[in-house]
Amino acid sequence: MAQSFDTANAVAATTKKTAKVRLLSELFTSLPLPDASLAAQYFTGRAFPQHEERVVGIGGSSLVRAVAEAAGRTGENLGNIYRKHGDLGDTAQELLQKSHKERNLTLKNLEALFASLSNSRVQIQKDELLRKAFAVASADEVKYIVKILTGDLRIGSKESLVEEGIAKAFGRNTDAVRRANMMLGDIGETLRLAAQDRLASAKVRLFHPLGFMLATPVETAEEIFPEPDTSAVYIEYKFDGIRAQVHKNTAGKVKIFSRTLDEIIEFPELAAPLSALSGELILDGEILGWRDDKPLPFTELQPRLGRKQIDMWLQQDIPVKFIAFDVLFQDGELLLDMPLRERKVRLHKLFANTSSRIAVADAIPCKDAAAVNSEFAAALSAGHEGLVAKTVDSPYTPGRRGGSWRKLKEPYATLDVVVTAAEYGHGKRHKVLSDLTFAVRDGDKLLNIGKAYSGLSDAEIAENTAFFLKHTVADQGFRRIVEPQLVLEVAFNNMQKSKRHESGFALRFPRILRTRPDKPVSEIDTLARAEELFARQIGVARDSRGRAK
């Protein structure tokens, strides 16, 4: 295992992608195949294969306690050390580097630890497992245990780089490795198939979610047709709901997954109509609040989200509908490379004579910007966010943004961000964490860009407060550094340069539009996107001679 940790440190020490890939490939070829498979798994920052439903069930507060106990610092406020690193794993390494030098753990030990944590149902048992593991592990080993348990290595080792490392190690095509991993949801099994030259044998694993294809934002209809010979597009309304991927087998079993690849259980009334569809299927679509034959705003759907117990009355008060816009897999056949127009034909055949709770999205052919502008106006007047334009002959590319899908939304500035800190409010909010600091992504870093306290209801603030208290990394009294998990969509009037935040920008008059439980932190907006918005703002704020207004 020492070799794996040395490689992790070396990967963290270089900024060159080619060097990272080389280091990973050399590690994979130097280890026995079972160990190489585990190493690949852990370099993605996951304790278990993606397709598995197992979780370790360890929160930030438990990890902080275990690290403090191992360091002999129980009861002390370790916030200053954490703030220096901004990472609990690196904090643990600093605290333990003098007392925990001997390396004792193997990859198999790590596998057993994660399995035991997952199998333990009582928090005191989990705490004891961590205490024992940290007592015998080196500072380096504790650092990476913590990083894997929090799901964020922060060494520049993304899953795509692990896939490239596997391809290089065994002389395989990178796209073939990625495709196999996408279908299997198991990077360790993918490595084993690559080592045996059996990548082509990978099959779609139903009830393991595939990555979602994403649309690239554009500002004008003209950007949808960048070249004179750009293919025609289908125009679909951009629904204000929850992106959802449906899996169904021949026995009628149905599971629905969100963009975060988590199972959606809040809408049991969709199971029966989806189960009635023919054959094995993977569908892409949207779940919408739906009443009186029209969609409801997301704010009305939101009370149904995040509930562990299904409220029958709420189902009646806020009825829902699944709108399908793509079919990715049918009866043993993966359809990702099939042109969209052909997938649409299949989709319409599937949904002939179905329940009113499920339907196919309208797809309107358009050949020029004028037609798109007309549909955009219709979408806004109908209460939708905007529209999505999809090239009619495009394949489905999971987990990627590309030129084949473009989204045109209302022209106000928004960013998807993640909360990094929460403060107690004032007045009637002095007991709740209502003032939220949030960040954008810059590579593996999160850089704060603003702070907002308006836009959420009292109930949402109370719910978020309970979440932040459970996921506090550093308690600073009036302010808490929290695990970066809660994604928000924030709107703002404009941006300005600022030294107050690490991003170099500050948002003016930010307000929270909504929480985004459907969106993973890996998909929040980037610093590059913020810079793009700022540059556009500067351009707009100048007259025809280039002078500032």
Protein backbone atom coordinates (compact mmCIF):
# COMPACT_ATOMS: atom_id res chain seq x y z
CA MET A 1 0.00 0.00 0.00
CA ALA A 2 2.99 2.28 0.57
CA GLN A 3 3.56 2.33 -3.18
CA SER A 4 -0.02 3.51 -3.75
CA PHE A 5 0.40 6.35 -1.24
CA ASP A 6 3.71 7.37 -2.77
CA THR A 7 2.01 7.51 -6.16
CA ALA A 8 -0.85 9.58 -4.72
CA ASN A 9 1.64 12.08 -3.30
CA ALA A 10 3.49 12.22 -6.61
CA VAL A 11 0.24 12.76 -8.52
CA ALA A 12 -0.62 15.61 -6.14
CA ALA A 13 2.84 17.15 -6.61
CA THR A 14 2.60 17.59 -10.38
CA THR A 15 0.24 19.79 -12.38
CA LYS A 16 0.99 18.01 -15.67
CA LYS A 17 -1.77 15.72 -16.87
CA THR A 18 0.64 13.51 -18.81
CA ALA A 19 2.75 13.00 -15.69
CA LYS A 20 -0.32 12.07 -13.63
CA VAL A 21 -1.42 9.53 -16.24
CA ARG A 22 2.10 8.05 -16.41
CA LEU A 23 2.32 7.71 -12.62
CA LEU A 24 -1.04 5.95 -12.46
CA SER A 25 -0.21 3.62 -15.32
CA GLU A 26 3.11 2.64 -13.74
CA LEU A 27 1.37 1.91 -10.45
CA PHE A 28 -1.30 -0.27 -12.09
CA THR A 29 1.24 -2.41 -13.94
CA SER A 30 3.44 -2.83 -10.85
CA LEU A 31 0.69 -4.24 -8.61
CA PRO A 32 -0.99 -7.65 -8.60
CA LEU A 33 -4.28 -7.40 -10.48
CA PRO A 34 -6.55 -7.48 -7.35
CA ASP A 35 -4.53 -4.68 -5.76
CA ALA A 36 -4.41 -2.68 -9.00
CA SER A 37 -8.20 -2.94 -9.19
CA LEU A 38 -8.58 -1.58 -5.65
CA ALA A 39 -6.03 1.18 -6.31
CA ALA A 40 -7.97 2.31 -9.37
CA GLN A 41 -11.13 2.38 -7.28
CA TYR A 42 -9.58 4.50 -4.53
CA PHE A 43 -7.93 6.91 -6.96
CA THR A 44 -11.43 7.92 -8.07
CA GLY A 45 -12.11 9.02 -4.49
CA ARG A 46 -14.79 6.36 -3.93
CA ALA A 47 -14.84 3.70 -1.24
CA PHE A 48 -17.04 1.42 -3.36
CA PRO A 49 -17.79 0.90 -7.05
CA GLN A 50 -20.18 3.49 -8.42
CA HIS A 51 -22.88 0.97 -9.28
CA GLU A 52 -23.10 -0.33 -5.72
CA GLU A 53 -25.55 1.16 -3.26
CA ARG A 54 -23.22 0.77 -0.28
CA VAL A 55 -22.23 3.89 1.67
CA VAL A 56 -19.79 4.30 4.55
CA GLY A 57 -22.16 6.55 6.49
CA ILE A 58 -19.45 8.72 8.04
CA GLY A 59 -19.98 12.47 8.42
CA GLY A 60 -17.45 15.25 8.82
CA SER A 61 -18.00 15.62 12.56
CA SER A 62 -17.19 11.91 13.14
CA LEU A 63 -14.00 12.21 11.13
CA VAL A 64 -12.97 15.35 13.01
CA ARG A 65 -13.46 13.54 16.33
CA ALA A 66 -11.49 10.50 15.19
CA VAL A 67 -8.60 12.62 13.91
CA ALA A 68 -8.54 14.72 17.08
CA GLU A 69 -8.48 11.59 19.26
CA ALA A 70 -5.68 10.00 17.23
CA ALA A 71 -3.67 13.23 17.59
CA GLY A 72 -4.37 13.53 21.32
CA ARG A 73 -6.19 16.81 20.71
CA THR A 74 -9.72 15.84 21.80
CA GLY A 75 -11.77 18.85 22.85
CA GLU A 76 -9.52 21.36 21.10
CA ASN A 77 -10.69 23.70 18.36
CA LEU A 78 -8.72 22.63 15.27
CA GLY A 79 -10.28 25.26 13.03
CA ASN A 80 -7.05 27.20 12.47
CA ILE A 81 -5.23 24.13 11.16
CA TYR A 82 -8.17 23.18 8.95
CA ARG A 83 -8.43 26.67 7.48
CA LYS A 84 -4.75 26.52 6.56
CA HIS A 85 -5.38 23.47 4.37
CA GLY A 86 -9.10 23.66 3.56
CA ASP A 87 -9.04 19.85 3.57
CA LEU A 88 -9.61 17.48 6.48
CA GLY A 89 -7.23 14.83 5.09
CA ASP A 90 -4.32 17.27 4.91
CA THR A 91 -5.26 18.56 8.37
CA ALA A 92 -5.03 15.01 9.71
CA GLN A 93 -1.61 14.52 8.15
CA GLU A 94 -0.23 17.65 9.83
CA LEU A 95 -1.62 16.65 13.21
CA LEU A 96 -0.29 13.08 13.01
CA GLN A 97 2.98 13.40 11.08
CA LYS A 98 5.19 13.28 14.21
CA SER A 99 3.36 10.52 16.08
CA HIS A 100 2.15 8.27 13.23
CA LYS A 101 5.11 7.40 11.03
CA GLU A 102 4.99 3.65 10.56
CA ARG A 103 2.99 2.37 7.59
CA ASN A 104 0.91 -0.67 8.50
CA LEU A 105 -2.09 -0.82 6.17
CA THR A 106 -2.56 -2.71 2.91
CA LEU A 107 -5.13 -2.11 0.18
CA LYS A 108 -6.96 -5.19 1.45
CA ASN A 109 -7.01 -3.66 4.96
CA LEU A 110 -8.56 -0.55 3.47
CA GLU A 111 -11.17 -2.61 1.63
CA ALA A 112 -12.07 -4.39 4.88
CA LEU A 113 -12.31 -1.11 6.80
CA PHE A 114 -14.73 0.45 4.31
CA ALA A 115 -16.84 -2.72 4.23
CA SER A 116 -17.03 -2.78 8.04
CA LEU A 117 -18.01 0.90 8.17
CA SER A 118 -20.76 0.26 5.65
CA ASN A 119 -22.05 -2.80 7.52
CA SER A 120 -22.11 -1.05 10.90
CA ARG A 121 -25.49 0.46 11.66
CA VAL A 122 -24.64 2.17 14.95
CA GLN A 123 -22.54 5.34 14.98
CA ILE A 124 -20.56 4.25 18.04
CA GLN A 125 -19.42 1.16 16.13
CA LYS A 126 -18.30 3.28 13.18
CA ASP A 127 -16.41 5.61 15.54
CA GLU A 128 -14.64 2.63 17.12
CA LEU A 129 -13.62 1.27 13.70
CA LEU A 130 -12.12 4.64 12.79
CA ARG A 131 -10.36 4.94 16.14
CA LYS A 132 -8.70 1.54 15.74
CA ALA A 133 -7.71 2.21 12.11
CA PHE A 134 -6.24 5.64 12.88
CA ALA A 135 -4.35 4.29 15.88
CA VAL A 136 -2.21 1.96 13.74
CA ALA A 137 -2.06 3.91 10.45
CA SER A 138 0.61 6.36 9.37
CA ALA A 139 -0.17 10.05 8.93
CA ASP A 140 -0.13 9.50 5.16
CA GLU A 141 -2.52 6.58 5.42
CA VAL A 142 -4.96 8.49 7.62
CA LYS A 143 -4.82 11.40 5.20
CA TYR A 144 -5.99 9.26 2.28
CA ILE A 145 -8.52 7.29 4.32
CA VAL A 146 -10.15 10.59 5.23
CA LYS A 147 -9.98 11.86 1.65
CA ILE A 148 -11.65 8.72 0.31
CA LEU A 149 -14.31 8.80 3.04
CA THR A 150 -15.13 12.40 2.12
CA GLY A 151 -15.10 11.51 -1.58
CA ASP A 152 -12.56 14.14 -2.57
CA LEU A 153 -8.87 13.27 -3.01
CA ARG A 154 -7.93 16.80 -4.15
CA ILE A 155 -4.78 15.55 -5.83
CA GLY A 156 -5.90 16.21 -9.39
CA SER A 157 -6.83 12.57 -9.92
CA LYS A 158 -10.24 12.59 -11.56
CA GLU A 159 -11.93 9.46 -12.82
CA SER A 160 -11.12 10.42 -16.42
CA LEU A 161 -7.40 10.43 -15.55
CA VAL A 162 -7.69 7.01 -13.93
CA GLU A 163 -9.33 5.77 -17.14
CA GLU A 164 -6.42 7.19 -19.15
CA GLY A 165 -3.97 5.59 -16.73
CA ILE A 166 -5.63 2.21 -17.27
CA ALA A 167 -5.53 2.66 -21.05
CA LYS A 168 -1.83 3.54 -20.96
CA ALA A 169 -0.96 0.74 -18.54
CA PHE A 170 -2.42 -2.01 -20.71
CA GLY A 171 -2.13 -0.48 -24.17
CA ARG A 172 -5.88 -0.06 -24.69
CA ASN A 173 -7.95 2.59 -26.44
CA THR A 174 -8.98 5.31 -23.98
CA ASP A 175 -12.49 5.64 -25.42
CA ALA A 176 -12.96 1.88 -25.05
CA VAL A 177 -11.92 2.08 -21.38
CA ARG A 178 -14.31 4.98 -20.76
CA ARG A 179 -17.18 3.25 -22.47
CA ALA A 180 -16.67 0.06 -20.45
CA ASN A 181 -16.47 2.01 -17.19
CA MET A 182 -19.61 3.95 -18.07
CA MET A 183 -21.57 0.75 -18.67
CA LEU A 184 -20.20 -1.13 -15.66
CA GLY A 185 -19.99 1.65 -13.11
CA ASP A 186 -16.95 -0.10 -11.69
CA ILE A 187 -13.49 1.27 -12.47
CA GLY A 188 -11.83 -1.74 -10.77
CA GLU A 189 -13.69 -4.21 -12.96
CA THR A 190 -12.87 -2.03 -15.97
CA LEU A 191 -9.16 -2.30 -15.10
CA ARG A 192 -9.45 -6.09 -14.90
CA LEU A 193 -11.12 -6.25 -18.32
CA ALA A 194 -8.46 -3.94 -19.79
CA ALA A 195 -5.68 -6.11 -18.38
CA GLN A 196 -7.30 -9.17 -19.98
CA ASP A 197 -8.07 -7.37 -23.27
CA ARG A 198 -11.79 -7.97 -22.72
CA LEU A 199 -13.17 -4.42 -22.73
CA ALA A 200 -15.55 -5.27 -25.57
CA SER A 201 -17.28 -7.78 -23.30
CA ALA A 202 -18.58 -5.03 -20.98
CA LYS A 203 -22.36 -4.89 -20.95
CA VAL A 204 -24.79 -2.27 -19.70
CA ARG A 205 -25.64 -2.92 -16.08
CA LEU A 206 -29.28 -2.03 -15.57
CA PHE A 207 -29.98 -0.03 -12.41
CA HIS A 208 -26.52 1.50 -12.58
CA PRO A 209 -27.06 5.06 -13.85
CA LEU A 210 -25.16 6.27 -16.91
CA GLY A 211 -23.77 9.79 -17.01
CA PHE A 212 -26.20 12.41 -18.30
CA MET A 213 -25.53 14.27 -21.53
CA LEU A 214 -25.37 18.00 -20.84
CA ALA A 215 -26.17 21.08 -22.89
CA THR A 216 -23.77 23.97 -23.48
CA PRO A 217 -25.25 27.37 -22.54
CA VAL A 218 -25.50 29.99 -25.29
CA GLU A 219 -26.70 33.58 -25.18
CA THR A 220 -28.35 33.91 -28.60
CA ALA A 221 -30.17 31.73 -31.12
CA GLU A 222 -27.48 32.52 -33.68
CA GLU A 223 -24.92 30.60 -31.57
CA ILE A 224 -26.95 27.44 -32.16
CA PHE A 225 -26.03 27.68 -35.86
CA PRO A 226 -22.33 28.69 -35.79
CA GLU A 227 -21.71 27.50 -39.34
CA PRO A 228 -23.87 27.92 -42.47
CA ASP A 229 -24.07 24.15 -42.94
CA THR A 230 -24.99 23.39 -39.31
CA SER A 231 -27.51 20.56 -39.22
CA ALA A 232 -31.13 21.13 -38.34
CA VAL A 233 -31.99 20.93 -34.66
CA TYR A 234 -34.85 19.70 -32.55
CA ILE A 235 -36.16 22.33 -30.16
CA GLU A 236 -37.40 21.12 -26.80
CA TYR A 237 -38.65 23.32 -23.99
CA LYS A 238 -36.26 23.54 -21.03
CA PHE A 239 -38.42 22.20 -18.23
CA ASP A 240 -38.13 23.53 -14.68
CA GLY A 241 -38.08 20.14 -12.99
CA ILE A 242 -35.73 17.32 -12.02
CA ARG A 243 -33.60 15.59 -14.62
CA ALA A 244 -34.26 11.88 -14.30
CA GLN A 245 -32.94 8.64 -15.80
CA VAL A 246 -35.33 5.70 -15.74
CA HIS A 247 -34.16 2.07 -15.68
CA LYS A 248 -36.64 -0.76 -16.26
CA ASN A 249 -36.17 -4.51 -16.71
CA THR A 250 -38.39 -7.13 -18.31
CA ALA A 251 -39.88 -8.07 -14.94
CA GLY A 252 -41.23 -4.54 -14.60
CA LYS A 253 -38.80 -3.38 -11.90
CA VAL A 254 -38.24 0.38 -12.14
CA LYS A 255 -35.63 2.67 -10.61
CA ILE A 256 -35.18 6.38 -11.25
CA PHE A 257 -31.86 8.23 -10.86
CA SER A 258 -31.00 11.92 -10.55
CA ARG A 259 -28.18 13.87 -12.16
CA THR A 260 -26.12 13.16 -9.05
CA LEU A 261 -26.60 9.44 -9.96
CA ASP A 262 -28.55 8.90 -6.74
CA GLU A 263 -31.82 7.00 -6.67
CA ILE A 264 -34.99 9.11 -6.64
CA ILE A 265 -37.64 7.57 -4.37
CA GLU A 266 -39.99 10.51 -3.82
CA PHE A 267 -42.35 9.76 -6.72
CA PRO A 268 -43.72 6.20 -6.32
CA GLU A 269 -46.77 6.98 -8.46
CA LEU A 270 -44.52 6.95 -11.55
CA ALA A 271 -43.47 3.32 -11.03
CA ALA A 272 -46.65 1.70 -12.40
CA PRO A 273 -46.92 3.63 -15.70
CA LEU A 274 -43.19 3.26 -16.34
CA SER A 275 -43.35 -0.44 -15.49
CA ALA A 276 -46.03 -0.88 -18.17
CA LEU A 277 -43.59 0.15 -20.92
CA SER A 278 -42.33 -2.70 -23.06
CA GLY A 279 -38.97 -4.43 -22.59
CA GLU A 280 -35.67 -3.42 -20.97
CA LEU A 281 -35.12 0.33 -21.06
CA ILE A 282 -32.99 3.26 -20.00
CA LEU A 283 -34.75 6.58 -20.60
CA ASP A 284 -33.61 10.17 -20.12
CA GLY A 285 -36.15 12.80 -19.18
CA GLU A 286 -37.54 15.19 -16.60
CA ILE A 287 -39.90 14.89 -13.63
CA LEU A 288 -42.23 17.87 -13.39
CA GLY A 289 -44.91 19.04 -11.06
CA TRP A 290 -48.02 18.85 -13.26
CA ARG A 291 -51.54 20.13 -12.70
CA ASP A 292 -54.42 21.10 -14.98
CA ASP A 293 -52.51 19.85 -18.02
CA LYS A 294 -49.57 22.21 -17.50
CA PRO A 295 -46.23 22.14 -15.65
CA LEU A 296 -45.79 23.69 -12.23
CA PRO A 297 -42.83 25.89 -11.23
CA PHE A 298 -39.96 24.08 -9.55
CA THR A 299 -40.73 25.93 -6.31
CA GLU A 300 -44.05 24.09 -6.12
CA LEU A 301 -42.39 20.72 -6.77
CA GLN A 302 -39.65 21.32 -4.19
CA PRO A 303 -41.69 20.31 -1.09
CA ARG A 304 -41.73 16.74 -2.44
CA LEU A 305 -37.96 16.46 -2.56
CA GLY A 306 -35.73 14.89 0.08
CA ARG A 307 -38.50 13.07 1.93
CA LYS A 308 -37.62 9.62 3.26
CA GLN A 309 -41.28 8.86 4.00
CA ILE A 310 -43.75 9.27 1.17
CA ASP A 311 -46.66 11.55 2.01
CA MET A 312 -49.81 10.34 0.21
CA TRP A 313 -51.53 13.69 0.65
CA LEU A 314 -48.56 15.48 -0.86
CA GLN A 315 -48.81 13.23 -3.92
CA GLN A 316 -52.35 14.50 -4.44
CA ASP A 317 -51.50 18.14 -3.72
CA ILE A 318 -48.44 18.15 -6.01
CA PRO A 319 -49.00 15.62 -8.81
CA VAL A 320 -46.07 14.84 -11.10
CA LYS A 321 -45.41 13.73 -14.65
CA PHE A 322 -42.36 12.14 -16.32
CA ILE A 323 -41.51 13.66 -19.70
CA ALA A 324 -39.09 11.50 -21.71
CA PHE A 325 -36.82 13.04 -24.32
CA ASP A 326 -34.41 10.20 -25.08
CA VAL A 327 -33.95 6.43 -25.01
CA LEU A 328 -30.41 5.21 -24.31
CA PHE A 329 -30.83 1.45 -24.07
CA GLN A 330 -33.49 -0.95 -25.29
CA ASP A 331 -33.71 -4.74 -25.03
CA GLY A 332 -29.98 -5.40 -24.79
CA GLU A 333 -28.99 -2.75 -27.33
CA LEU A 334 -27.02 0.34 -26.33
CA LEU A 335 -28.28 3.25 -28.44
CA LEU A 336 -25.80 6.00 -27.56
CA ASP A 337 -24.22 6.09 -31.04
CA MET A 338 -27.55 6.01 -32.88
CA PRO A 339 -28.56 9.41 -34.37
CA LEU A 340 -31.03 11.33 -32.25
CA ARG A 341 -33.69 11.27 -34.97
CA GLU A 342 -33.71 7.45 -34.85
CA ARG A 343 -33.80 7.38 -31.06
CA LYS A 344 -36.81 9.72 -31.21
CA VAL A 345 -38.65 7.30 -33.49
CA ARG A 346 -38.09 4.49 -31.00
CA LEU A 347 -39.18 6.71 -28.13
CA HIS A 348 -42.50 7.59 -29.74
CA LYS A 349 -43.24 3.93 -30.47
CA LEU A 350 -42.54 3.05 -26.83
CA PHE A 351 -44.91 5.71 -25.53
CA ALA A 352 -47.87 5.01 -27.80
CA ASN A 353 -51.03 4.60 -25.68
CA THR A 354 -49.36 5.21 -22.32
CA SER A 355 -50.62 6.63 -19.03
CA SER A 356 -51.22 10.36 -18.64
CA ARG A 357 -48.48 10.40 -15.99
CA ILE A 358 -45.77 9.81 -18.62
CA ALA A 359 -45.25 11.38 -22.04
CA VAL A 360 -42.67 12.22 -24.71
CA ALA A 361 -41.32 15.77 -24.98
CA ASP A 362 -42.31 17.66 -28.10
CA ALA A 363 -39.35 18.06 -30.47
CA ILE A 364 -39.84 20.84 -33.01
CA PRO A 365 -37.49 20.83 -36.04
CA CYS A 366 -35.81 24.19 -36.71
CA LYS A 367 -33.34 25.09 -39.45
CA ASP A 368 -32.39 28.69 -38.62
CA ALA A 369 -32.06 31.24 -35.82
CA ALA A 370 -35.33 32.99 -36.69
CA ALA A 371 -37.28 29.79 -36.09
CA VAL A 372 -35.42 29.20 -32.82
CA ASN A 373 -36.19 32.75 -31.62
CA SER A 374 -39.87 32.16 -32.31
CA GLU A 375 -39.83 28.96 -30.26
CA PHE A 376 -37.83 30.68 -27.51
CA ALA A 377 -40.52 33.33 -27.15
CA ALA A 378 -43.18 30.61 -27.05
CA ALA A 379 -41.24 28.71 -24.36
CA LEU A 380 -40.95 31.78 -22.12
CA SER A 381 -44.61 32.72 -22.57
CA ALA A 382 -45.56 29.17 -21.58
CA GLY A 383 -43.65 29.59 -18.32
CA HIS A 384 -40.58 27.50 -19.15
CA GLU A 385 -36.95 28.43 -18.41
CA GLY A 386 -36.02 28.51 -22.08
CA LEU A 387 -35.23 25.84 -24.63
CA VAL A 388 -32.71 23.18 -25.56
CA ALA A 389 -31.58 22.76 -29.18
CA LYS A 390 -30.34 19.29 -30.14
CA THR A 391 -28.68 18.45 -33.45
CA VAL A 392 -30.91 15.88 -35.15
CA ASP A 393 -28.09 13.47 -36.03
CA SER A 394 -26.23 13.77 -32.71
CA PRO A 395 -25.16 10.74 -30.62
CA TYR A 396 -25.69 10.69 -26.86
CA THR A 397 -22.44 11.49 -25.03
CA PRO A 398 -22.83 10.71 -21.29
CA GLY A 399 -21.32 13.15 -18.82
CA ARG A 400 -20.19 15.64 -21.43
CA ARG A 401 -21.17 19.08 -22.68
CA GLY A 402 -20.76 19.54 -26.38
CA GLY A 403 -21.90 21.43 -29.42
CA SER A 404 -24.68 18.96 -30.17
CA TRP A 405 -26.91 20.19 -27.35
CA ARG A 406 -27.22 23.91 -26.55
CA LYS A 407 -29.48 25.60 -24.04
CA LEU A 408 -30.90 29.11 -24.33
CA LYS A 409 -32.29 30.56 -21.10
CA GLU A 410 -33.73 33.82 -19.84
CA PRO A 411 -31.12 36.61 -20.03
CA TYR A 412 -30.41 37.15 -16.32
CA ALA A 413 -27.13 36.15 -14.76
CA THR A 414 -27.04 33.04 -12.58
CA LEU A 415 -24.36 30.72 -11.27
CA ASP A 416 -24.58 27.25 -9.77
CA VAL A 417 -22.37 27.30 -6.66
CA VAL A 418 -21.67 25.21 -3.56
CA VAL A 419 -21.95 26.38 0.05
CA THR A 420 -18.61 26.41 1.89
CA ALA A 421 -19.56 28.29 5.08
CA ALA A 422 -22.69 29.27 6.98
CA GLU A 423 -23.22 32.02 9.56
CA TYR A 424 -25.93 32.64 12.11
CA GLY A 425 -28.30 35.41 11.06
CA HIS A 426 -29.64 38.42 12.92
CA GLY A 427 -32.97 39.23 14.56
CA LYS A 428 -35.40 36.35 14.23
CA ARG A 429 -32.69 34.35 12.43
CA HIS A 430 -30.10 34.55 15.19
CA LYS A 431 -30.55 30.81 15.93
CA VAL A 432 -30.32 29.55 12.36
CA LEU A 433 -27.48 29.38 9.83
CA SER A 434 -29.01 31.63 7.19
CA ASP A 435 -26.06 33.62 5.77
CA LEU A 436 -24.34 31.39 3.24
CA THR A 437 -20.91 31.78 1.64
CA PHE A 438 -20.55 29.95 -1.64
CA ALA A 439 -17.88 29.03 -4.18
CA VAL A 440 -17.23 28.17 -7.82
CA ARG A 441 -14.82 25.50 -9.07
CA ASP A 442 -11.29 26.10 -10.35
CA GLY A 443 -9.87 22.69 -11.19
CA ASP A 444 -9.80 20.79 -7.91
CA LYS A 445 -10.19 23.95 -5.83
CA LEU A 446 -13.29 25.71 -4.56
CA LEU A 447 -12.99 29.49 -4.61
CA ASN A 448 -15.48 31.65 -2.72
CA ILE A 449 -17.28 34.19 -4.87
CA GLY A 450 -20.13 35.53 -2.78
CA LYS A 451 -22.46 35.47 0.17
CA ALA A 452 -26.25 35.55 0.27
CA TYR A 453 -29.00 35.29 2.84
CA SER A 454 -32.19 35.95 0.87
CA GLY A 455 -34.31 33.71 -1.30
CA LEU A 456 -34.96 30.69 0.92
CA SER A 457 -38.05 30.10 3.04
CA ASP A 458 -37.88 29.76 6.84
CA ALA A 459 -38.54 26.03 6.46
CA GLU A 460 -35.67 25.64 3.99
CA ILE A 461 -33.33 27.61 6.25
CA ALA A 462 -34.26 25.42 9.22
CA GLU A 463 -33.66 22.28 7.16
CA ASN A 464 -30.33 23.59 5.89
CA THR A 465 -29.28 24.54 9.43
CA ALA A 466 -29.77 20.95 10.59
CA PHE A 467 -27.74 19.79 7.59
CA PHE A 468 -24.88 22.24 8.26
CA LEU A 469 -24.71 21.29 11.95
CA LYS A 470 -24.22 17.64 10.94
CA HIS A 471 -21.65 18.52 8.28
CA THR A 472 -19.54 21.09 10.12
CA VAL A 473 -15.81 20.84 9.53
CA ALA A 474 -14.75 23.78 11.70
CA ASP A 475 -16.86 25.57 14.32
CA GLN A 476 -15.84 29.23 14.54
CA GLY A 477 -18.64 30.24 16.88
CA PHE A 478 -20.88 32.50 14.82
CA ARG A 479 -19.63 30.87 11.62
CA ARG A 480 -19.14 27.28 10.51
CA ILE A 481 -16.96 25.88 7.76
CA VAL A 482 -19.08 23.13 6.24
CA GLU A 483 -18.55 20.21 3.91
CA PRO A 484 -19.09 21.47 0.35
CA GLN A 485 -22.21 19.48 -0.52
CA LEU A 486 -25.18 21.85 -0.80
CA VAL A 487 -25.48 23.26 -4.34
CA LEU A 488 -27.38 26.51 -4.90
CA GLU A 489 -28.48 28.44 -7.95
CA VAL A 490 -27.87 32.13 -7.26
CA ALA A 491 -28.85 35.16 -9.32
CA PHE A 492 -27.13 38.53 -9.19
CA ASN A 493 -27.22 41.96 -10.82
CA ASN A 494 -23.57 42.17 -11.81
CA MET A 495 -20.02 41.29 -10.78
CA GLN A 496 -17.06 43.29 -9.63
CA LYS A 497 -13.40 42.62 -9.01
CA SER A 498 -12.76 41.99 -5.34
CA LYS A 499 -9.94 40.87 -3.06
CA ARG A 500 -12.46 39.78 -0.44
CA HIS A 501 -12.97 36.38 -2.06
CA GLU A 502 -10.39 33.87 -3.34
CA SER A 503 -12.04 33.91 -6.77
CA GLY A 504 -11.09 37.55 -7.27
CA PHE A 505 -14.74 38.47 -7.85
CA ALA A 506 -17.77 39.42 -5.80
CA LEU A 507 -21.39 39.18 -6.86
CA ARG A 508 -23.53 42.27 -6.37
CA PHE A 509 -26.97 41.80 -4.84
CA PRO A 510 -26.86 37.99 -4.94
CA ARG A 511 -30.02 36.11 -4.04
CA ILE A 512 -30.66 32.41 -3.81
CA LEU A 513 -33.06 31.19 -6.48
CA ARG A 514 -33.21 27.63 -5.21
CA THR A 515 -31.24 24.72 -3.84
CA ARG A 516 -30.12 22.16 -6.42
CA PRO A 517 -30.26 18.69 -4.81
CA ASP A 518 -30.30 17.27 -8.34
CA LYS A 519 -26.87 18.69 -9.17
CA PRO A 520 -23.50 17.27 -7.99
CA VAL A 521 -20.71 19.57 -6.81
CA SER A 522 -18.62 18.40 -9.80
CA GLU A 523 -21.06 20.22 -12.10
CA ILE A 524 -21.22 23.64 -10.43
CA ASP A 525 -20.02 26.60 -12.46
CA THR A 526 -16.32 27.28 -12.86
CA LEU A 527 -14.12 30.31 -12.32
CA ALA A 528 -13.77 30.42 -16.11
CA ARG A 529 -17.55 30.80 -16.40
CA ALA A 530 -17.48 33.67 -13.88
CA GLU A 531 -14.68 35.34 -15.83
CA GLU A 532 -16.71 34.94 -19.02
CA LEU A 533 -19.74 36.62 -17.42
CA PHE A 534 -17.57 39.45 -16.11
CA ALA A 535 -15.98 40.01 -19.53
CA ARG A 536 -19.41 40.13 -21.16
CA GLN A 537 -20.61 42.59 -18.50
CA ILE A 538 -17.65 44.89 -19.21
CA GLY A 539 -18.43 44.76 -22.92
CA VAL A 540 -22.07 45.66 -22.39
CA ALA A 541 -21.16 48.53 -20.11
CA ARG A 542 -19.27 50.43 -22.84
CA ASP A 543 -20.53 52.74 -25.53
CA SER A 544 -19.98 52.37 -29.28
CA ARG A 545 -16.56 53.98 -29.01
CA GLY A 546 -15.39 51.62 -26.30
CA ARG A 547 -15.68 54.20 -23.52
CA ALA A 548 -17.02 53.13 -20.14
CA LYS A 549 -20.54 54.42 -19.60
